[in-house]
Amino acid sequence: MEIEVVIAGVDDAAHLASISEATFALACHSTTSKKDLDRYIQKEWCETRFREQLESPLKSFFIARVDGSVVGYLMLSLGDYPGELIAAKPLELQRIYVLSEFYGLGVAIALMSQSFRYAAAAGCDVLWLGVSKHNRRGISSYLKYDFQKIGEQSFRVGDDIHEDLIMPCLV
């Protein structure tokens, strides 16, 4: 099995939408209604939205392929960051999604390694992320990379308010 991580292009928007649709609910709290999840996915994880984001100079996408098939992706973002984050040039690890059938095969490790390489090459001093307080698997993984909880933020999925931990790590 070969894992390849490459820069994503506009032609990868359908892959990104498909992976997001398959994985987003796995990281959400179980109390989020199916109706709210479906609406959020249709709005935020559609191919058109990804095409727009792929064209943004503030965002960088990488896809992970296993034996030629796209099985995960990474989205990095420059720009806004939480006030409690102290950094000269922070980079947000906004998304790192891997199809569940590829868990434990090194795909997430390859994508995480790419995020640190990209951050260092871009002159960023901090890589930060927001992760659901209920995503134990994700939190456990991020702690292994020395991400530390410094605060919380929230976002809305329909009528449901999701609480995320803010976790930075030095690059």
N, C-alpha and C. Protein backbone atom coordinates (compact mmCIF):
# COMPACT_ATOMS: atom_id res chain seq x y z
N MET A 1 0.84 -1.18 0.00
CA MET A 1 0.00 0.00 0.00
C MET A 1 0.89 1.25 0.00
N GLU A 2 0.61 2.12 -0.94
CA GLU A 2 1.37 3.36 -1.03
C GLU A 2 0.45 4.55 -0.74
N ILE A 3 0.90 5.42 0.18
CA ILE A 3 0.17 6.65 0.50
C ILE A 3 0.89 7.80 -0.18
N GLU A 4 0.14 8.55 -0.95
CA GLU A 4 0.70 9.71 -1.66
C GLU A 4 -0.10 10.94 -1.23
N VAL A 5 0.59 12.01 -0.84
CA VAL A 5 -0.06 13.28 -0.48
C VAL A 5 0.37 14.32 -1.51
N VAL A 6 -0.61 14.91 -2.18
CA VAL A 6 -0.34 15.89 -3.24
C VAL A 6 -1.26 17.10 -3.07
N ILE A 7 -0.86 18.21 -3.66
CA ILE A 7 -1.69 19.42 -3.66
C ILE A 7 -2.99 19.13 -4.40
N ALA A 8 -4.09 19.57 -3.82
CA ALA A 8 -5.39 19.39 -4.46
C ALA A 8 -5.66 20.56 -5.39
N GLY A 9 -6.38 20.28 -6.46
CA GLY A 9 -6.78 21.31 -7.41
C GLY A 9 -8.29 21.39 -7.50
N VAL A 10 -8.77 22.33 -8.27
CA VAL A 10 -10.21 22.54 -8.43
C VAL A 10 -10.89 21.26 -8.91
N ASP A 11 -10.20 20.46 -9.69
CA ASP A 11 -10.78 19.21 -10.19
C ASP A 11 -11.00 18.19 -9.08
N ASP A 12 -10.44 18.43 -7.89
CA ASP A 12 -10.62 17.52 -6.76
C ASP A 12 -11.81 17.89 -5.89
N ALA A 13 -12.57 18.92 -6.25
CA ALA A 13 -13.68 19.39 -5.41
C ALA A 13 -14.69 18.28 -5.13
N ALA A 14 -15.00 17.46 -6.09
CA ALA A 14 -15.97 16.37 -5.87
C ALA A 14 -15.43 15.37 -4.86
N HIS A 15 -14.14 15.06 -4.91
CA HIS A 15 -13.54 14.15 -3.92
C HIS A 15 -13.64 14.73 -2.51
N LEU A 16 -13.33 16.03 -2.38
CA LEU A 16 -13.37 16.68 -1.08
C LEU A 16 -14.79 16.67 -0.51
N ALA A 17 -15.76 16.96 -1.35
CA ALA A 17 -17.16 16.95 -0.91
C ALA A 17 -17.59 15.56 -0.47
N SER A 18 -17.22 14.57 -1.24
CA SER A 18 -17.60 13.19 -0.92
C SER A 18 -16.98 12.72 0.40
N ILE A 19 -15.70 13.00 0.60
CA ILE A 19 -15.02 12.61 1.84
C ILE A 19 -15.63 13.35 3.03
N SER A 20 -15.90 14.63 2.87
CA SER A 20 -16.50 15.42 3.95
C SER A 20 -17.86 14.89 4.34
N GLU A 21 -18.66 14.57 3.33
CA GLU A 21 -20.00 14.04 3.59
C GLU A 21 -19.92 12.72 4.36
N ALA A 22 -18.94 11.90 4.02
CA ALA A 22 -18.81 10.59 4.66
C ALA A 22 -18.22 10.66 6.06
N THR A 23 -17.49 11.73 6.38
CA THR A 23 -16.74 11.75 7.64
C THR A 23 -17.20 12.79 8.65
N PHE A 24 -17.83 13.87 8.23
CA PHE A 24 -18.15 14.97 9.14
C PHE A 24 -18.98 14.50 10.33
N ALA A 25 -20.01 13.73 10.09
CA ALA A 25 -20.90 13.30 11.17
C ALA A 25 -20.17 12.44 12.20
N LEU A 26 -19.09 11.77 11.81
CA LEU A 26 -18.35 10.91 12.74
C LEU A 26 -17.72 11.72 13.87
N ALA A 27 -17.43 12.98 13.62
CA ALA A 27 -16.79 13.82 14.63
C ALA A 27 -17.79 14.69 15.41
N CYS A 28 -19.05 14.62 15.03
CA CYS A 28 -20.07 15.43 15.69
C CYS A 28 -20.64 14.72 16.90
N HIS A 29 -21.18 15.52 17.81
CA HIS A 29 -21.84 14.97 18.99
C HIS A 29 -23.10 14.23 18.55
N SER A 30 -23.40 13.16 19.22
CA SER A 30 -24.53 12.30 18.85
C SER A 30 -25.88 12.99 18.99
N THR A 31 -25.95 14.11 19.68
CA THR A 31 -27.23 14.80 19.85
C THR A 31 -27.60 15.67 18.64
N THR A 32 -26.67 15.86 17.71
CA THR A 32 -26.97 16.65 16.52
C THR A 32 -27.96 15.88 15.66
N SER A 33 -29.06 16.52 15.31
CA SER A 33 -30.11 15.83 14.55
C SER A 33 -29.64 15.54 13.13
N LYS A 34 -30.19 14.48 12.57
CA LYS A 34 -29.88 14.12 11.18
C LYS A 34 -30.28 15.25 10.24
N LYS A 35 -31.40 15.89 10.53
CA LYS A 35 -31.88 17.00 9.70
C LYS A 35 -30.86 18.14 9.69
N ASP A 36 -30.35 18.51 10.88
CA ASP A 36 -29.36 19.58 10.96
C ASP A 36 -28.06 19.18 10.26
N LEU A 37 -27.63 17.94 10.46
CA LEU A 37 -26.41 17.46 9.79
C LEU A 37 -26.57 17.49 8.28
N ASP A 38 -27.69 16.98 7.79
CA ASP A 38 -27.92 16.94 6.34
C ASP A 38 -27.91 18.34 5.74
N ARG A 39 -28.58 19.29 6.39
CA ARG A 39 -28.60 20.67 5.89
C ARG A 39 -27.21 21.28 5.88
N TYR A 40 -26.46 21.08 6.95
CA TYR A 40 -25.11 21.62 7.05
C TYR A 40 -24.22 21.03 5.96
N ILE A 41 -24.30 19.73 5.78
CA ILE A 41 -23.49 19.05 4.76
C ILE A 41 -23.83 19.56 3.37
N GLN A 42 -25.11 19.72 3.08
CA GLN A 42 -25.52 20.22 1.76
C GLN A 42 -24.99 21.62 1.49
N LYS A 43 -24.93 22.45 2.54
CA LYS A 43 -24.47 23.82 2.37
C LYS A 43 -22.95 23.92 2.38
N GLU A 44 -22.31 23.34 3.37
CA GLU A 44 -20.87 23.53 3.58
C GLU A 44 -19.99 22.54 2.84
N TRP A 45 -20.49 21.37 2.56
CA TRP A 45 -19.64 20.32 1.97
C TRP A 45 -20.00 20.03 0.52
N CYS A 46 -20.61 20.97 -0.16
CA CYS A 46 -20.96 20.75 -1.56
C CYS A 46 -19.76 21.06 -2.46
N GLU A 47 -19.81 20.51 -3.64
CA GLU A 47 -18.71 20.68 -4.60
C GLU A 47 -18.49 22.15 -4.94
N THR A 48 -19.56 22.93 -5.08
CA THR A 48 -19.44 24.36 -5.41
C THR A 48 -18.67 25.10 -4.33
N ARG A 49 -18.99 24.81 -3.07
CA ARG A 49 -18.30 25.46 -1.95
C ARG A 49 -16.81 25.11 -1.95
N PHE A 50 -16.49 23.85 -2.24
CA PHE A 50 -15.09 23.46 -2.30
C PHE A 50 -14.36 24.13 -3.45
N ARG A 51 -15.02 24.28 -4.59
CA ARG A 51 -14.39 24.98 -5.71
C ARG A 51 -14.01 26.41 -5.31
N GLU A 52 -14.92 27.09 -4.60
CA GLU A 52 -14.64 28.45 -4.13
C GLU A 52 -13.44 28.45 -3.18
N GLN A 53 -13.42 27.53 -2.25
CA GLN A 53 -12.34 27.48 -1.27
C GLN A 53 -11.01 27.10 -1.92
N LEU A 54 -11.03 26.23 -2.89
CA LEU A 54 -9.81 25.83 -3.59
C LEU A 54 -9.18 27.01 -4.33
N GLU A 55 -9.97 27.99 -4.68
CA GLU A 55 -9.46 29.17 -5.39
C GLU A 55 -9.01 30.28 -4.45
N SER A 56 -9.22 30.13 -3.15
CA SER A 56 -8.85 31.16 -2.18
C SER A 56 -7.34 31.15 -1.95
N PRO A 57 -6.70 32.33 -1.99
CA PRO A 57 -5.26 32.39 -1.71
C PRO A 57 -4.93 32.15 -0.23
N LEU A 58 -5.94 32.14 0.63
CA LEU A 58 -5.72 31.92 2.06
C LEU A 58 -5.85 30.45 2.46
N LYS A 59 -6.21 29.59 1.50
CA LYS A 59 -6.42 28.18 1.81
C LYS A 59 -5.54 27.30 0.94
N SER A 60 -5.06 26.22 1.55
CA SER A 60 -4.27 25.23 0.82
C SER A 60 -4.84 23.85 1.13
N PHE A 61 -5.03 23.07 0.08
CA PHE A 61 -5.60 21.73 0.21
C PHE A 61 -4.60 20.69 -0.28
N PHE A 62 -4.58 19.56 0.39
CA PHE A 62 -3.80 18.41 -0.02
C PHE A 62 -4.70 17.19 0.06
N ILE A 63 -4.57 16.31 -0.92
CA ILE A 63 -5.33 15.07 -0.88
C ILE A 63 -4.38 13.91 -0.63
N ALA A 64 -4.92 12.88 0.01
CA ALA A 64 -4.16 11.65 0.25
C ALA A 64 -4.75 10.57 -0.65
N ARG A 65 -3.87 9.91 -1.35
CA ARG A 65 -4.28 8.80 -2.20
C ARG A 65 -3.65 7.51 -1.69
N VAL A 66 -4.42 6.46 -1.72
CA VAL A 66 -3.92 5.12 -1.43
C VAL A 66 -4.15 4.31 -2.69
N ASP A 67 -3.05 3.83 -3.25
CA ASP A 67 -3.12 3.05 -4.49
C ASP A 67 -3.96 3.76 -5.55
N GLY A 68 -3.81 5.10 -5.62
CA GLY A 68 -4.47 5.89 -6.65
C GLY A 68 -5.84 6.44 -6.28
N SER A 69 -6.47 5.93 -5.22
CA SER A 69 -7.80 6.40 -4.83
C SER A 69 -7.68 7.48 -3.76
N VAL A 70 -8.47 8.55 -3.89
CA VAL A 70 -8.48 9.63 -2.90
C VAL A 70 -9.24 9.15 -1.67
N VAL A 71 -8.54 9.15 -0.51
CA VAL A 71 -9.12 8.60 0.72
C VAL A 71 -9.12 9.59 1.89
N GLY A 72 -8.55 10.78 1.67
CA GLY A 72 -8.52 11.77 2.73
C GLY A 72 -8.02 13.10 2.21
N TYR A 73 -8.16 14.12 3.05
CA TYR A 73 -7.65 15.43 2.65
C TYR A 73 -7.32 16.28 3.86
N LEU A 74 -6.58 17.33 3.58
CA LEU A 74 -6.11 18.28 4.56
C LEU A 74 -6.43 19.67 4.02
N MET A 75 -6.96 20.55 4.89
CA MET A 75 -7.23 21.94 4.52
C MET A 75 -6.53 22.84 5.53
N LEU A 76 -5.67 23.70 5.05
CA LEU A 76 -4.93 24.64 5.88
C LEU A 76 -5.38 26.06 5.54
N SER A 77 -5.49 26.92 6.56
CA SER A 77 -6.00 28.27 6.33
C SER A 77 -5.20 29.32 7.07
N LEU A 78 -4.87 30.37 6.35
CA LEU A 78 -4.29 31.57 6.96
C LEU A 78 -5.44 32.54 7.21
N GLY A 79 -5.27 33.42 8.16
CA GLY A 79 -6.32 34.42 8.39
C GLY A 79 -6.70 34.50 9.84
N ASP A 80 -8.00 34.60 10.07
CA ASP A 80 -8.52 34.79 11.43
C ASP A 80 -8.08 33.67 12.35
N TYR A 81 -7.87 34.04 13.62
CA TYR A 81 -7.54 33.05 14.64
C TYR A 81 -8.05 33.54 15.99
N PRO A 82 -8.24 32.63 16.93
CA PRO A 82 -8.80 33.01 18.23
C PRO A 82 -7.89 33.96 19.00
N GLY A 83 -8.49 34.86 19.78
CA GLY A 83 -7.74 35.85 20.53
C GLY A 83 -6.79 35.27 21.56
N GLU A 84 -7.11 34.09 22.08
CA GLU A 84 -6.23 33.50 23.09
C GLU A 84 -4.98 32.86 22.49
N LEU A 85 -4.91 32.80 21.19
CA LEU A 85 -3.75 32.23 20.51
C LEU A 85 -2.68 33.31 20.35
N ILE A 86 -1.50 33.04 20.86
CA ILE A 86 -0.38 33.99 20.75
C ILE A 86 0.58 33.44 19.70
N ALA A 87 0.68 34.15 18.59
CA ALA A 87 1.53 33.69 17.49
C ALA A 87 1.83 34.85 16.56
N ALA A 88 2.99 34.81 15.93
CA ALA A 88 3.35 35.82 14.94
C ALA A 88 2.68 35.52 13.60
N LYS A 89 2.69 34.25 13.21
CA LYS A 89 2.08 33.84 11.94
C LYS A 89 1.47 32.44 12.12
N PRO A 90 0.22 32.39 12.62
CA PRO A 90 -0.42 31.10 12.82
C PRO A 90 -1.04 30.55 11.54
N LEU A 91 -1.11 29.23 11.48
CA LEU A 91 -1.75 28.53 10.37
C LEU A 91 -2.77 27.58 10.98
N GLU A 92 -3.99 27.64 10.48
CA GLU A 92 -5.04 26.75 11.00
C GLU A 92 -5.07 25.45 10.22
N LEU A 93 -5.02 24.36 10.95
CA LEU A 93 -5.29 23.04 10.38
C LEU A 93 -6.81 22.93 10.46
N GLN A 94 -7.47 23.42 9.43
CA GLN A 94 -8.92 23.58 9.48
C GLN A 94 -9.65 22.26 9.32
N ARG A 95 -9.09 21.37 8.52
CA ARG A 95 -9.72 20.06 8.33
C ARG A 95 -8.66 19.02 8.03
N ILE A 96 -8.84 17.86 8.62
CA ILE A 96 -8.06 16.68 8.26
C ILE A 96 -9.03 15.51 8.36
N TYR A 97 -9.48 15.04 7.22
CA TYR A 97 -10.50 14.00 7.15
C TYR A 97 -9.96 12.80 6.38
N VAL A 98 -10.24 11.63 6.93
CA VAL A 98 -9.84 10.37 6.30
C VAL A 98 -11.05 9.44 6.34
N LEU A 99 -11.31 8.76 5.23
CA LEU A 99 -12.40 7.78 5.21
C LEU A 99 -12.15 6.72 6.27
N SER A 100 -13.18 6.33 6.99
CA SER A 100 -13.02 5.45 8.15
C SER A 100 -12.39 4.10 7.80
N GLU A 101 -12.61 3.61 6.61
CA GLU A 101 -12.01 2.31 6.25
C GLU A 101 -10.49 2.39 6.09
N PHE A 102 -9.94 3.61 6.14
CA PHE A 102 -8.49 3.79 6.03
C PHE A 102 -7.87 4.25 7.36
N TYR A 103 -8.65 4.23 8.44
CA TYR A 103 -8.10 4.53 9.76
C TYR A 103 -7.03 3.50 10.10
N GLY A 104 -5.99 3.97 10.76
CA GLY A 104 -4.95 3.07 11.24
C GLY A 104 -3.94 2.63 10.20
N LEU A 105 -4.04 3.16 8.99
CA LEU A 105 -3.12 2.75 7.91
C LEU A 105 -2.03 3.78 7.63
N GLY A 106 -2.02 4.87 8.39
CA GLY A 106 -0.99 5.89 8.21
C GLY A 106 -1.40 7.07 7.35
N VAL A 107 -2.64 7.11 6.88
CA VAL A 107 -3.09 8.21 6.03
C VAL A 107 -3.12 9.52 6.82
N ALA A 108 -3.70 9.49 8.02
CA ALA A 108 -3.76 10.71 8.84
C ALA A 108 -2.35 11.17 9.22
N ILE A 109 -1.45 10.24 9.48
CA ILE A 109 -0.06 10.59 9.81
C ILE A 109 0.60 11.30 8.63
N ALA A 110 0.37 10.79 7.43
CA ALA A 110 0.94 11.41 6.23
C ALA A 110 0.38 12.83 6.03
N LEU A 111 -0.92 13.00 6.26
CA LEU A 111 -1.52 14.33 6.12
C LEU A 111 -1.03 15.28 7.21
N MET A 112 -0.91 14.78 8.44
CA MET A 112 -0.42 15.62 9.54
C MET A 112 1.02 16.04 9.27
N SER A 113 1.85 15.13 8.79
CA SER A 113 3.23 15.46 8.45
C SER A 113 3.28 16.55 7.39
N GLN A 114 2.37 16.47 6.42
CA GLN A 114 2.30 17.50 5.38
C GLN A 114 1.94 18.85 5.98
N SER A 115 1.05 18.86 6.97
CA SER A 115 0.66 20.14 7.57
C SER A 115 1.85 20.81 8.25
N PHE A 116 2.68 20.03 8.94
CA PHE A 116 3.85 20.61 9.60
C PHE A 116 4.90 21.08 8.57
N ARG A 117 5.10 20.30 7.51
CA ARG A 117 6.05 20.71 6.46
C ARG A 117 5.59 22.01 5.81
N TYR A 118 4.31 22.09 5.49
CA TYR A 118 3.76 23.28 4.85
C TYR A 118 3.89 24.49 5.76
N ALA A 119 3.53 24.33 7.04
CA ALA A 119 3.61 25.43 8.00
C ALA A 119 5.04 25.95 8.12
N ALA A 120 6.00 25.04 8.21
CA ALA A 120 7.40 25.45 8.34
C ALA A 120 7.87 26.17 7.07
N ALA A 121 7.52 25.64 5.91
CA ALA A 121 7.92 26.25 4.64
C ALA A 121 7.30 27.63 4.46
N ALA A 122 6.09 27.84 5.02
CA ALA A 122 5.39 29.12 4.90
C ALA A 122 5.83 30.12 5.97
N GLY A 123 6.74 29.72 6.84
CA GLY A 123 7.23 30.61 7.90
C GLY A 123 6.26 30.78 9.06
N CYS A 124 5.36 29.84 9.23
CA CYS A 124 4.39 29.91 10.33
C CYS A 124 5.05 29.41 11.61
N ASP A 125 4.68 30.02 12.73
CA ASP A 125 5.26 29.60 14.01
C ASP A 125 4.34 28.70 14.83
N VAL A 126 3.05 28.73 14.52
CA VAL A 126 2.07 27.92 15.25
C VAL A 126 1.09 27.29 14.27
N LEU A 127 0.82 26.02 14.48
CA LEU A 127 -0.24 25.31 13.77
C LEU A 127 -1.34 25.12 14.82
N TRP A 128 -2.58 25.50 14.49
CA TRP A 128 -3.66 25.37 15.47
C TRP A 128 -4.88 24.76 14.81
N LEU A 129 -5.76 24.24 15.67
CA LEU A 129 -6.98 23.61 15.17
C LEU A 129 -8.08 23.73 16.20
N GLY A 130 -9.29 23.51 15.73
CA GLY A 130 -10.45 23.36 16.61
C GLY A 130 -10.96 21.95 16.43
N VAL A 131 -11.23 21.27 17.54
CA VAL A 131 -11.71 19.89 17.48
C VAL A 131 -12.87 19.74 18.46
N SER A 132 -13.89 19.04 18.04
CA SER A 132 -15.06 18.83 18.90
C SER A 132 -14.65 18.25 20.25
N LYS A 133 -15.23 18.80 21.30
CA LYS A 133 -14.97 18.29 22.64
C LYS A 133 -15.37 16.81 22.75
N HIS A 134 -16.21 16.35 21.85
CA HIS A 134 -16.72 14.98 21.90
C HIS A 134 -15.92 14.03 20.99
N ASN A 135 -14.96 14.55 20.27
CA ASN A 135 -14.17 13.73 19.34
C ASN A 135 -12.93 13.19 20.06
N ARG A 136 -13.14 12.18 20.86
CA ARG A 136 -12.04 11.62 21.67
C ARG A 136 -10.90 11.09 20.81
N ARG A 137 -11.24 10.45 19.72
CA ARG A 137 -10.21 9.90 18.83
C ARG A 137 -9.32 11.01 18.29
N GLY A 138 -9.94 12.10 17.83
CA GLY A 138 -9.17 13.23 17.31
C GLY A 138 -8.31 13.89 18.37
N ILE A 139 -8.90 14.15 19.53
CA ILE A 139 -8.16 14.80 20.61
C ILE A 139 -6.95 13.97 21.01
N SER A 140 -7.15 12.68 21.16
CA SER A 140 -6.05 11.78 21.53
C SER A 140 -4.92 11.84 20.50
N SER A 141 -5.30 11.87 19.24
CA SER A 141 -4.31 11.94 18.17
C SER A 141 -3.54 13.26 18.21
N TYR A 142 -4.24 14.38 18.40
CA TYR A 142 -3.59 15.68 18.41
C TYR A 142 -2.65 15.84 19.59
N LEU A 143 -3.01 15.28 20.72
CA LEU A 143 -2.13 15.35 21.90
C LEU A 143 -0.79 14.67 21.62
N LYS A 144 -0.78 13.63 20.80
CA LYS A 144 0.46 12.93 20.44
C LYS A 144 1.41 13.83 19.65
N TYR A 145 0.85 14.85 19.00
CA TYR A 145 1.66 15.80 18.23
C TYR A 145 1.97 17.05 19.04
N ASP A 146 1.69 17.04 20.32
CA ASP A 146 1.94 18.15 21.24
C ASP A 146 1.00 19.33 21.09
N PHE A 147 -0.17 19.12 20.48
CA PHE A 147 -1.19 20.16 20.50
C PHE A 147 -1.69 20.24 21.94
N GLN A 148 -1.97 21.46 22.41
CA GLN A 148 -2.41 21.66 23.79
C GLN A 148 -3.69 22.50 23.79
N LYS A 149 -4.61 22.18 24.68
CA LYS A 149 -5.85 22.94 24.80
C LYS A 149 -5.56 24.29 25.45
N ILE A 150 -6.03 25.38 24.77
CA ILE A 150 -5.87 26.72 25.36
C ILE A 150 -7.21 27.44 25.51
N GLY A 151 -8.27 26.89 24.95
CA GLY A 151 -9.56 27.56 25.03
C GLY A 151 -10.62 26.78 24.30
N GLU A 152 -11.76 27.43 24.12
CA GLU A 152 -12.89 26.81 23.43
C GLU A 152 -13.53 27.82 22.48
N GLN A 153 -14.18 27.29 21.47
CA GLN A 153 -14.96 28.11 20.54
C GLN A 153 -16.19 27.30 20.16
N SER A 154 -17.18 27.97 19.63
CA SER A 154 -18.39 27.26 19.24
C SER A 154 -18.77 27.61 17.81
N PHE A 155 -19.53 26.70 17.21
CA PHE A 155 -20.12 26.96 15.90
C PHE A 155 -21.44 26.22 15.82
N ARG A 156 -22.28 26.69 14.93
CA ARG A 156 -23.65 26.18 14.84
C ARG A 156 -23.77 25.20 13.67
N VAL A 157 -24.43 24.09 13.97
CA VAL A 157 -24.84 23.13 12.95
C VAL A 157 -26.36 23.05 13.08
N GLY A 158 -27.06 23.81 12.27
CA GLY A 158 -28.51 23.91 12.41
C GLY A 158 -28.86 24.56 13.73
N ASP A 159 -29.68 23.89 14.52
CA ASP A 159 -30.07 24.40 15.84
C ASP A 159 -29.11 23.97 16.93
N ASP A 160 -28.13 23.16 16.58
CA ASP A 160 -27.21 22.60 17.56
C ASP A 160 -25.93 23.44 17.64
N ILE A 161 -25.53 23.78 18.85
CA ILE A 161 -24.28 24.50 19.06
C ILE A 161 -23.19 23.48 19.37
N HIS A 162 -22.14 23.49 18.58
CA HIS A 162 -21.01 22.58 18.78
C HIS A 162 -19.89 23.32 19.50
N GLU A 163 -19.32 22.69 20.49
CA GLU A 163 -18.22 23.26 21.25
C GLU A 163 -16.92 22.57 20.84
N ASP A 164 -15.96 23.36 20.41
CA ASP A 164 -14.66 22.87 20.01
C ASP A 164 -13.59 23.29 21.00
N LEU A 165 -12.59 22.45 21.16
CA LEU A 165 -11.40 22.83 21.89
C LEU A 165 -10.47 23.54 20.90
N ILE A 166 -9.84 24.61 21.33
CA ILE A 166 -8.81 25.28 20.53
C ILE A 166 -7.48 24.70 20.97
N MET A 167 -6.74 24.14 20.01
CA MET A 167 -5.49 23.45 20.35
C MET A 167 -4.38 23.89 19.39
N PRO A 168 -3.39 24.63 19.89
CA PRO A 168 -2.22 24.99 19.07
C PRO A 168 -1.02 24.09 19.36
N CYS A 169 -0.07 24.16 18.44
CA CYS A 169 1.18 23.43 18.57
C CYS A 169 2.26 24.28 17.89
N LEU A 170 3.44 24.34 18.48
CA LEU A 170 4.54 25.05 17.85
C LEU A 170 5.01 24.29 16.62
N VAL A 171 5.39 25.04 15.60
CA VAL A 171 5.87 24.42 14.35
C VAL A 171 7.36 24.16 14.47
